[in-house]
């Protein structure tokens, strides 16, 4: 499966053997730059509950927690995802992602991921050299095992999957028209992906289960067609329409059934949560 945490770290990527479905009309070679003001701070923590729908029944599958740490000249982003005990008869997940990004550019310097999903295990480290346009990747079945080392040419600016999420949160879409598409680049699984996120406008009274109603901005990121997504799959993300710009709800069909991620708890937001209606 190899999809649990990457699906919700950045709802445009899935690791492992799939191919990218990119509409030909989308320009993908225009680099983007981060906004000067970030929408998060040291101590921010966001927890999401993940559901899987099969035969019209929503089954709680697990949780993902995101944290931000201020480490001097860098931001340290962390995400941990685990399945609930009640779901592990079907599938077991214990994933952790870490990324260290330069404070001035929000570009990643280094990232790690430890993935344990069913019988699939991988430990990966990536060093980013944006100036030299390359990455160095160390991979092993688990931390401490013998590693293979490879180098890869990239076109900067390029992000790992976790730093992409925080970079996208800095961008202000308030002046954009519905249908505007934002290009960006992600490096994962020893490959660079040129991707797009399409802005679909605002929904001013979006209900988020268990959390109330919110003013939101709606997006449709690209997905990777393959063993999880069909070619015509459309993922939808609702983000708080305020300065925090946090994902509130993600919904997507998959090859069998559908999945969604719902905000469960939040701490340490940088700005007042003005998107909340009730």
Foldseek 3Di string as FASTA:
>chain_A
DQAPVLCPLFVADGDDDFAFQDPPVDDQPDADFFDQDFFFDAFKKWKKWKWFDAPRDTDTFWMKMWGWHDDDQWIKIKIWIWTDPVNVVPKTWTKMKIFIAGPRGLQTQKIWIWTDIHPQTKIKIWGDDQVVQKIKMWMDRGPPDHTDIDMDGHHPPEHASNSVVRRVLRDDCPPPDAQDKDWHWHDDPNDIDTWIKGWHAWDQFDQFPPPHTFTWTKIWTHYTDDQWAHSPKTKMWTFGPDSNRHTAKIWIHTPGGIMMMGTDDIDRGPDDSVGHPD
